[in-house]
Amino acid sequence: MPRVFKDTCHLRAAVEDGRLEAWYAPGFGRIRFERYSSDSRLFSDEIDSIASE
């Protein structure tokens, strides 16, 4: 089951021929990032795990 983060911020920005999308969660920083060209996703990155310190 996917983890749900409280107070997540979703940012979308137009760049060159596509867009960037990023999701941030307080205390965790960027939790997901996607880069698109037109409507095709070129790159996606998200956190794999959360470790307690």
Foldseek 3Di string as FASTA:
>chain_A
DDDDAPPKDWDWDDDDQWIKIWIQGPPPGTAKIWTDHNNHTDDIDGDDDDDDD
